[in-house]
Amino acid sequence: MHCLTYQVIGETAQCFYIGYKHTCELVSGPQYRWIAEAVKKRRKRVPKEDGTSGRRYAYTDKTLALRSYKERSAERWSVPIVWLEFRDNEAGFEVVDFASASREGEPFEALIRKSMYLPNPVTRSCTINPKIRIIHKYLRTLDHSTEDNSVDMMTGIRADEPRRVAKMRNRKSTSESKWATMVMPLADASVGVKDVTDFWAG
């Protein structure tokens, strides 16, 4: 998992305007003055409150932001969420949470150091190692994804991605375990990109 860091670049009584931290830092250099306008065009508007319940979504204090995140996650999904990060050790992963998760791409850098090459269209190590493989390693520590305890692996491929849907259906199981069946609930329910956009907008 790679987390992007944003910083506040403007504020009104109702919202914060935020921009990707790396891009914003470039603006401070004299040779990058032209980026200032690009940052302004790409900035995100984050309400301080949602306008109805008075619930805040943008904070300058990390502790308050973390508390809000946990409350909203528990309320919206009502399921435990396990966060995994790649590690170059015997286990191959570490269970983290919002507070301890890497913010600067450290797991990805560790993967590159171990493999000694960059991910590319032919060798998709950025998908296999820090995502698919560590999920199965974690499941096996719970005695899942085995002959005696098979699992369903749900992926968010939509119905309007027919080539990916067909490829997944033909493969049936994952590349890491024949005891893990691929399931596509969005495709099965005929959910497309507009449905997903409308869901998050709501």
Protein backbone atom coordinates (compact mmCIF):
# COMPACT_ATOMS: atom_id res chain seq x y z
CA MET A 1 0.00 0.00 0.00
CA HIS A 2 1.25 3.47 -0.87
CA CYS A 3 -0.30 6.46 0.87
CA LEU A 4 -0.25 9.89 -0.76
CA THR A 5 0.36 12.89 1.45
CA TYR A 6 -1.56 16.11 0.85
CA GLN A 7 -1.08 19.51 2.38
CA VAL A 8 -3.37 22.48 2.90
CA ILE A 9 -2.77 25.22 0.33
CA GLY A 10 -5.86 27.34 0.99
CA GLU A 11 -8.79 27.67 3.33
CA THR A 12 -12.26 29.19 3.58
CA ALA A 13 -14.75 29.15 6.44
CA GLN A 14 -16.35 26.01 4.94
CA CYS A 15 -13.44 24.00 3.50
CA PHE A 16 -9.74 23.33 3.06
CA TYR A 17 -8.06 23.32 -0.36
CA ILE A 18 -5.41 20.60 -0.46
CA GLY A 19 -2.75 19.58 -2.97
CA TYR A 20 -0.39 16.63 -3.40
CA LYS A 21 2.57 17.39 -1.12
CA HIS A 22 5.35 16.58 -3.62
CA THR A 23 3.85 18.81 -6.30
CA CYS A 24 3.29 21.65 -3.84
CA GLU A 25 6.92 21.50 -2.72
CA LEU A 26 8.09 21.98 -6.30
CA VAL A 27 6.30 25.32 -6.43
CA SER A 28 8.77 26.76 -3.92
CA GLY A 29 11.62 26.37 -6.40
CA PRO A 30 12.17 29.35 -8.76
CA GLN A 31 12.49 27.07 -11.80
CA TYR A 32 9.03 25.60 -11.16
CA ARG A 33 6.88 28.72 -10.85
CA TRP A 34 4.70 27.52 -13.72
CA ILE A 35 3.54 24.57 -11.55
CA ALA A 36 1.71 26.93 -9.19
CA GLU A 37 -1.13 27.32 -11.67
CA ALA A 38 -1.21 23.56 -12.26
CA VAL A 39 -1.50 22.95 -8.51
CA LYS A 40 -4.37 25.40 -8.30
CA LYS A 41 -6.22 23.60 -11.10
CA ARG A 42 -5.69 20.18 -9.50
CA ARG A 43 -6.35 21.10 -5.89
CA LYS A 44 -9.04 19.22 -4.00
CA ARG A 45 -11.80 20.85 -2.00
CA VAL A 46 -12.41 19.10 1.32
CA PRO A 47 -15.37 20.29 3.43
CA LYS A 48 -14.68 20.97 7.09
CA GLU A 49 -18.23 19.79 7.79
CA ASP A 50 -20.71 17.92 5.64
CA GLY A 51 -23.34 20.65 5.96
CA THR A 52 -26.08 18.49 7.48
CA SER A 53 -24.84 16.56 10.50
CA GLY A 54 -21.93 18.86 11.30
CA ARG A 55 -19.47 15.96 10.89
CA ARG A 56 -15.95 17.05 10.01
CA TYR A 57 -13.91 15.44 7.22
CA ALA A 58 -10.79 17.60 7.17
CA TYR A 59 -8.46 18.12 10.11
CA THR A 60 -5.12 19.75 10.76
CA ASP A 61 -4.66 17.57 13.85
CA LYS A 62 -3.64 13.93 13.19
CA THR A 63 -5.21 12.55 16.38
CA LEU A 64 -8.64 14.01 15.58
CA ALA A 65 -8.39 12.86 11.97
CA LEU A 66 -7.53 9.29 13.02
CA ARG A 67 -10.43 9.16 15.48
CA SER A 68 -12.83 10.39 12.78
CA TYR A 69 -11.48 7.85 10.28
CA LYS A 70 -11.97 4.93 12.65
CA GLU A 71 -15.49 6.02 13.53
CA ARG A 72 -16.54 6.46 9.90
CA SER A 73 -15.01 3.13 8.85
CA ALA A 74 -16.78 1.22 11.61
CA GLU A 75 -20.07 2.97 10.88
CA ARG A 76 -20.01 2.63 7.10
CA TRP A 77 -18.67 -0.89 6.61
CA SER A 78 -19.33 -2.67 9.92
CA VAL A 79 -16.52 -5.12 9.14
CA PRO A 80 -12.95 -5.48 10.44
CA ILE A 81 -10.36 -4.18 7.98
CA VAL A 82 -6.89 -5.75 7.93
CA TRP A 83 -4.06 -3.62 6.49
CA LEU A 84 -1.03 -5.49 5.14
CA GLU A 85 2.35 -4.18 4.00
CA PHE A 86 5.16 -5.99 2.19
CA ARG A 87 8.23 -6.80 4.25
CA ASP A 88 11.52 -8.33 3.16
CA ASN A 89 11.62 -10.90 5.96
CA GLU A 90 10.59 -14.48 6.64
CA ALA A 91 6.90 -13.64 7.07
CA GLY A 92 6.86 -11.43 3.96
CA PHE A 93 4.35 -8.98 5.41
CA GLU A 94 3.33 -6.99 8.45
CA VAL A 95 -0.14 -6.15 9.74
CA VAL A 96 -0.42 -2.37 10.16
CA ASP A 97 -3.17 0.17 10.75
CA PHE A 98 -3.93 3.76 9.76
CA ALA A 99 -1.51 5.14 12.33
CA SER A 100 1.42 2.81 11.58
CA ALA A 101 1.04 2.45 7.79
CA SER A 102 3.93 3.67 5.65
CA ARG A 103 3.52 7.14 4.16
CA GLU A 104 6.57 7.44 1.90
CA GLY A 105 6.47 4.24 -0.16
CA GLU A 106 8.90 2.28 2.04
CA PRO A 107 7.39 -1.19 1.26
CA PHE A 108 7.70 -0.54 -2.48
CA GLU A 109 11.32 0.55 -2.10
CA ALA A 110 12.02 -2.62 -0.08
CA LEU A 111 10.49 -4.71 -2.88
CA ILE A 112 12.72 -3.05 -5.50
CA ARG A 113 15.83 -3.61 -3.38
CA LYS A 114 14.95 -7.29 -2.97
CA SER A 115 14.05 -7.98 -6.61
CA MET A 116 16.83 -5.76 -8.04
CA TYR A 117 14.60 -4.52 -10.87
CA LEU A 118 11.66 -2.19 -11.42
CA PRO A 119 8.12 -3.51 -12.01
CA ASN A 120 7.12 -3.50 -15.68
CA PRO A 121 4.25 -4.70 -17.93
CA VAL A 122 5.94 -8.09 -18.35
CA THR A 123 6.91 -8.69 -14.72
CA ARG A 124 4.15 -7.19 -12.59
CA SER A 125 5.94 -7.52 -9.27
CA CYS A 126 4.13 -4.45 -7.93
CA THR A 127 0.87 -6.44 -8.07
CA ILE A 128 2.07 -9.94 -7.25
CA ASN A 129 4.38 -9.29 -4.29
CA PRO A 130 2.92 -6.39 -2.25
CA LYS A 131 -0.71 -7.32 -2.95
CA ILE A 132 -1.71 -10.81 -4.04
CA ARG A 133 1.15 -12.79 -2.47
CA ILE A 134 1.04 -11.19 0.97
CA ILE A 135 -2.74 -11.60 1.15
CA HIS A 136 -2.32 -15.37 0.73
CA LYS A 137 0.58 -15.47 3.18
CA TYR A 138 -1.62 -13.73 5.73
CA LEU A 139 -4.55 -16.05 5.03
CA ARG A 140 -2.36 -19.11 5.56
CA THR A 141 -1.38 -17.86 9.01
CA LEU A 142 -5.12 -18.15 9.74
CA ASP A 143 -5.27 -21.62 8.11
CA HIS A 144 -7.22 -20.28 5.12
CA SER A 145 -6.60 -20.64 1.38
CA THR A 146 -5.79 -24.31 1.89
CA GLU A 147 -7.29 -27.59 0.70
CA ASP A 148 -9.22 -27.95 3.95
CA ASN A 149 -10.33 -24.32 4.11
CA SER A 150 -10.79 -22.71 0.69
CA VAL A 151 -11.73 -19.05 0.30
CA ASP A 152 -13.46 -16.69 -2.11
CA MET A 153 -11.27 -13.79 -3.26
CA MET A 154 -13.41 -10.79 -4.20
CA THR A 155 -12.06 -8.23 -6.63
CA GLY A 156 -13.54 -4.90 -7.70
CA ILE A 157 -13.60 -5.47 -11.45
CA ARG A 158 -16.68 -3.82 -12.95
CA ALA A 159 -19.15 -5.08 -15.54
CA ASP A 160 -17.92 -2.47 -18.04
CA GLU A 161 -14.45 -4.07 -18.07
CA PRO A 162 -15.37 -7.10 -20.25
CA ARG A 163 -11.84 -8.19 -21.12
CA ARG A 164 -10.75 -8.30 -17.49
CA VAL A 165 -13.98 -10.06 -16.51
CA ALA A 166 -13.50 -12.74 -19.19
CA LYS A 167 -9.85 -13.26 -18.24
CA MET A 168 -10.75 -13.65 -14.57
CA ARG A 169 -13.59 -16.09 -15.25
CA ASN A 170 -11.34 -18.25 -17.40
CA ARG A 171 -8.66 -18.37 -14.73
CA LYS A 172 -11.16 -19.15 -11.92
CA SER A 173 -8.58 -19.40 -9.10
CA THR A 174 -5.77 -17.01 -8.18
CA SER A 175 -2.19 -17.45 -9.34
CA GLU A 176 -1.09 -18.04 -5.75
CA SER A 177 -3.55 -20.70 -4.62
CA LYS A 178 -5.89 -23.14 -6.32
CA TRP A 179 -7.92 -23.06 -3.12
CA ALA A 180 -8.93 -19.42 -3.69
CA THR A 181 -11.83 -18.85 -6.09
CA MET A 182 -12.04 -15.50 -7.87
CA VAL A 183 -15.35 -13.70 -7.34
CA MET A 184 -16.43 -10.44 -9.01
CA PRO A 185 -19.50 -9.10 -7.19
CA LEU A 186 -19.54 -5.79 -9.09
CA ALA A 187 -19.46 -7.50 -12.48
CA ASP A 188 -22.08 -10.03 -11.39
CA ALA A 189 -24.36 -7.18 -10.30
CA SER A 190 -23.82 -5.27 -13.60
CA VAL A 191 -22.16 -2.38 -11.77
CA GLY A 192 -20.34 0.10 -14.02
CA VAL A 193 -18.11 3.11 -13.50
CA LYS A 194 -21.08 5.50 -13.15
CA ASP A 195 -22.52 3.38 -10.34
CA VAL A 196 -19.20 3.47 -8.51
CA THR A 197 -18.86 7.23 -8.97
CA ASP A 198 -22.41 7.80 -7.73
CA PHE A 199 -21.75 5.59 -4.70
CA TRP A 200 -18.72 7.55 -3.56
CA ALA A 201 -20.40 10.87 -4.33
CA GLY A 202 -23.19 9.90 -1.95
